[in-house]
Amino acid sequence: MKPGGVLIVGDVVLNSEQAVREAPQNLVGWSHLPPTLAGRCQEFQTADVELIGLSVSSTDDWDHYTSLMWSAVDRWAAQNPEHPNRTEVLQNVQEGKVKYLNWEREHLGWAVMVGRVTG
């Protein structure tokens, strides 16, 4: 990007460094944990991008977003009882619910960061 250009990034962030220490060894679905918000902002600085705006989701926002996915799959399963992947999809969603409620809900968040390229 050219200097002065604006960059918008929405991404999952860890709520704290403590989350790394408390992460289950078998955190299925995560090849690596995301950085904290401070860590993501440091990445901006390293890339010569000045943080000029920020919006971080609340737990209510995160719950709403996650449960919309659960209800969409529930509706899909009801409408497609004979789909060959139905059982697998429902099992994946159930496993995701357990992960979310047992670890992700407490330790992960979502942030939208706006930056201006300085270098």
C-alpha atoms as a PDB file:
ATOM      1  CA  MET A   1       0.000   0.000   0.000  1.00  0.00           C
ATOM      2  CA  LYS A   2       1.038   3.545  -0.598  1.00  0.00           C
ATOM      3  CA  PRO A   3       1.840   5.827   2.349  1.00  0.00           C
ATOM      4  CA  GLY A   4      -1.398   7.396   3.546  1.00  0.00           C
ATOM      5  CA  GLY A   5      -3.446   4.380   2.469  1.00  0.00           C
ATOM      6  CA  VAL A   6      -5.994   2.998   4.914  1.00  0.00           C
ATOM      7  CA  LEU A   7      -6.099  -0.640   5.982  1.00  0.00           C
ATOM      8  CA  ILE A   8      -8.955  -2.357   7.836  1.00  0.00           C
ATOM      9  CA  VAL A   9      -8.358  -5.722   9.518  1.00  0.00           C
ATOM     10  CA  GLY A  10     -10.911  -7.798  11.404  1.00  0.00           C
ATOM     11  CA  ASP A  11      -9.421 -10.701  13.292  1.00  0.00           C
ATOM     12  CA  VAL A  12      -9.637 -13.025  16.275  1.00  0.00           C
ATOM     13  CA  VAL A  13      -7.411 -12.002  19.193  1.00  0.00           C
ATOM     14  CA  LEU A  14      -6.517 -13.538  22.535  1.00  0.00           C
ATOM     15  CA  ASN A  15      -8.016 -11.687  25.465  1.00  0.00           C
ATOM     16  CA  SER A  16      -4.813 -12.080  27.485  1.00  0.00           C
ATOM     17  CA  GLU A  17      -1.390 -13.704  27.537  1.00  0.00           C
ATOM     18  CA  GLN A  18      -2.769 -15.956  30.287  1.00  0.00           C
ATOM     19  CA  ALA A  19      -4.923 -17.617  27.619  1.00  0.00           C
ATOM     20  CA  VAL A  20      -1.773 -19.088  26.056  1.00  0.00           C
ATOM     21  CA  ARG A  21      -0.857 -20.761  29.339  1.00  0.00           C
ATOM     22  CA  GLU A  22      -4.412 -22.041  29.805  1.00  0.00           C
ATOM     23  CA  ALA A  23      -4.909 -23.303  26.251  1.00  0.00           C
ATOM     24  CA  PRO A  24      -5.750 -26.980  26.131  1.00  0.00           C
ATOM     25  CA  GLN A  25      -3.000 -29.022  24.501  1.00  0.00           C
ATOM     26  CA  ASN A  26      -5.479 -30.434  22.033  1.00  0.00           C
ATOM     27  CA  LEU A  27      -7.166 -27.196  20.958  1.00  0.00           C
ATOM     28  CA  VAL A  28      -8.616 -28.739  17.818  1.00  0.00           C
ATOM     29  CA  GLY A  29      -9.030 -26.412  14.879  1.00  0.00           C
ATOM     30  CA  TRP A  30      -6.270 -24.002  15.860  1.00  0.00           C
ATOM     31  CA  SER A  31      -2.898 -24.592  14.190  1.00  0.00           C
ATOM     32  CA  HIS A  32      -1.598 -21.670  16.247  1.00  0.00           C
ATOM     33  CA  LEU A  33      -3.152 -19.232  18.662  1.00  0.00           C
ATOM     34  CA  PRO A  34      -3.779 -15.672  17.517  1.00  0.00           C
ATOM     35  CA  PRO A  35      -1.922 -12.776  19.144  1.00  0.00           C
ATOM     36  CA  THR A  36      -3.366 -10.565  21.846  1.00  0.00           C
ATOM     37  CA  LEU A  37      -4.823  -7.237  20.769  1.00  0.00           C
ATOM     38  CA  ALA A  38      -1.601  -5.558  21.912  1.00  0.00           C
ATOM     39  CA  GLY A  39       0.379  -8.076  19.868  1.00  0.00           C
ATOM     40  CA  ARG A  40      -1.727  -7.436  16.758  1.00  0.00           C
ATOM     41  CA  CYS A  41      -1.253  -3.675  17.201  1.00  0.00           C
ATOM     42  CA  GLN A  42       2.507  -4.241  17.514  1.00  0.00           C
ATOM     43  CA  GLU A  43       2.366  -6.048  14.167  1.00  0.00           C
ATOM     44  CA  PHE A  44       0.766  -2.906  12.719  1.00  0.00           C
ATOM     45  CA  GLN A  45       3.624  -0.758  14.064  1.00  0.00           C
ATOM     46  CA  THR A  46       6.239  -3.171  12.743  1.00  0.00           C
ATOM     47  CA  ALA A  47       4.624  -2.915   9.307  1.00  0.00           C
ATOM     48  CA  ASP A  48       4.671   0.925   9.444  1.00  0.00           C
ATOM     49  CA  VAL A  49       0.920   1.149   9.952  1.00  0.00           C
ATOM     50  CA  GLU A  50      -0.415   3.635  12.506  1.00  0.00           C
ATOM     51  CA  LEU A  51      -3.488   2.411  14.392  1.00  0.00           C
ATOM     52  CA  ILE A  52      -6.154   5.093  13.913  1.00  0.00           C
ATOM     53  CA  GLY A  53      -9.317   3.222  14.856  1.00  0.00           C
ATOM     54  CA  LEU A  54     -10.397   0.222  16.882  1.00  0.00           C
ATOM     55  CA  SER A  55     -13.592  -1.644  17.705  1.00  0.00           C
ATOM     56  CA  VAL A  56     -13.501  -4.698  19.953  1.00  0.00           C
ATOM     57  CA  SER A  57     -16.456  -7.048  20.334  1.00  0.00           C
ATOM     58  CA  SER A  58     -18.069  -7.726  23.681  1.00  0.00           C
ATOM     59  CA  THR A  59     -18.825 -11.215  24.955  1.00  0.00           C
ATOM     60  CA  ASP A  60     -22.458 -10.582  24.010  1.00  0.00           C
ATOM     61  CA  ASP A  61     -21.374  -9.739  20.439  1.00  0.00           C
ATOM     62  CA  TRP A  62     -19.256 -12.893  20.278  1.00  0.00           C
ATOM     63  CA  ASP A  63     -22.098 -15.043  21.690  1.00  0.00           C
ATOM     64  CA  HIS A  64     -24.550 -13.586  19.181  1.00  0.00           C
ATOM     65  CA  TYR A  65     -22.217 -14.178  16.241  1.00  0.00           C
ATOM     66  CA  THR A  66     -21.434 -17.742  17.321  1.00  0.00           C
ATOM     67  CA  SER A  67     -25.015 -18.703  18.085  1.00  0.00           C
ATOM     68  CA  LEU A  68     -26.147 -17.407  14.674  1.00  0.00           C
ATOM     69  CA  MET A  69     -23.930 -20.083  13.137  1.00  0.00           C
ATOM     70  CA  TRP A  70     -25.387 -22.738  15.443  1.00  0.00           C
ATOM     71  CA  SER A  71     -28.968 -21.787  14.566  1.00  0.00           C
ATOM     72  CA  ALA A  72     -28.175 -21.652  10.821  1.00  0.00           C
ATOM     73  CA  VAL A  73     -26.846 -25.219  10.961  1.00  0.00           C
ATOM     74  CA  ASP A  74     -29.845 -26.300  13.021  1.00  0.00           C
ATOM     75  CA  ARG A  75     -32.219 -24.898  10.365  1.00  0.00           C
ATOM     76  CA  TRP A  76     -30.169 -26.477   7.572  1.00  0.00           C
ATOM     77  CA  ALA A  77     -30.241 -29.887   9.315  1.00  0.00           C
ATOM     78  CA  ALA A  78     -34.021 -29.681   9.779  1.00  0.00           C
ATOM     79  CA  GLN A  79     -34.487 -28.825   6.094  1.00  0.00           C
ATOM     80  CA  ASN A  80     -32.041 -31.500   4.869  1.00  0.00           C
ATOM     81  CA  PRO A  81     -32.670 -34.635   6.950  1.00  0.00           C
ATOM     82  CA  GLU A  82     -31.323 -36.929   4.228  1.00  0.00           C
ATOM     83  CA  HIS A  83     -28.163 -34.962   3.393  1.00  0.00           C
ATOM     84  CA  PRO A  84     -25.173 -37.345   3.355  1.00  0.00           C
ATOM     85  CA  ASN A  85     -23.035 -34.967   5.459  1.00  0.00           C
ATOM     86  CA  ARG A  86     -25.747 -34.049   7.975  1.00  0.00           C
ATOM     87  CA  THR A  87     -24.466 -36.230  10.831  1.00  0.00           C
ATOM     88  CA  GLU A  88     -20.872 -35.076  10.355  1.00  0.00           C
ATOM     89  CA  VAL A  89     -21.864 -31.410  10.192  1.00  0.00           C
ATOM     90  CA  LEU A  90     -23.991 -31.674  13.336  1.00  0.00           C
ATOM     91  CA  GLN A  91     -21.165 -33.472  15.144  1.00  0.00           C
ATOM     92  CA  ASN A  92     -18.680 -30.752  14.123  1.00  0.00           C
ATOM     93  CA  VAL A  93     -21.020 -28.033  15.354  1.00  0.00           C
ATOM     94  CA  GLN A  94     -21.561 -29.854  18.653  1.00  0.00           C
ATOM     95  CA  GLU A  95     -17.792 -30.190  19.148  1.00  0.00           C
ATOM     96  CA  GLY A  96     -17.439 -26.497  18.293  1.00  0.00           C
ATOM     97  CA  LYS A  97     -20.020 -25.589  20.929  1.00  0.00           C
ATOM     98  CA  VAL A  98     -18.066 -27.503  23.568  1.00  0.00           C
ATOM     99  CA  LYS A  99     -14.801 -25.770  22.558  1.00  0.00           C
ATOM    100  CA  TYR A 100     -16.505 -22.380  22.541  1.00  0.00           C
ATOM    101  CA  LEU A 101     -18.187 -22.788  25.912  1.00  0.00           C
ATOM    102  CA  ASN A 102     -15.206 -24.427  27.629  1.00  0.00           C
ATOM    103  CA  TRP A 103     -12.362 -22.217  26.391  1.00  0.00           C
ATOM    104  CA  GLU A 104     -12.891 -19.929  23.395  1.00  0.00           C
ATOM    105  CA  ARG A 105     -15.668 -17.789  24.903  1.00  0.00           C
ATOM    106  CA  GLU A 106     -13.473 -16.769  27.823  1.00  0.00           C
ATOM    107  CA  HIS A 107     -10.175 -16.422  26.012  1.00  0.00           C
ATOM    108  CA  LEU A 108     -10.892 -15.201  22.478  1.00  0.00           C
ATOM    109  CA  GLY A 109     -12.266 -11.943  21.164  1.00  0.00           C
ATOM    110  CA  TRP A 110     -12.761 -10.144  17.884  1.00  0.00           C
ATOM    111  CA  ALA A 111     -11.369  -6.778  16.922  1.00  0.00           C
ATOM    112  CA  VAL A 112     -11.583  -4.532  13.898  1.00  0.00           C
ATOM    113  CA  MET A 113      -8.495  -2.347  13.556  1.00  0.00           C
ATOM    114  CA  VAL A 114      -8.111   0.596  11.206  1.00  0.00           C
ATOM    115  CA  GLY A 115      -4.638   1.717  10.273  1.00  0.00           C
ATOM    116  CA  ARG A 116      -2.948   4.291   8.072  1.00  0.00           C
ATOM    117  CA  VAL A 117       0.226   3.339   6.226  1.00  0.00           C
ATOM    118  CA  THR A 118       3.048   5.606   7.377  1.00  0.00           C
ATOM    119  CA  GLY A 119       6.143   4.162   5.705  1.00  0.00           C
END
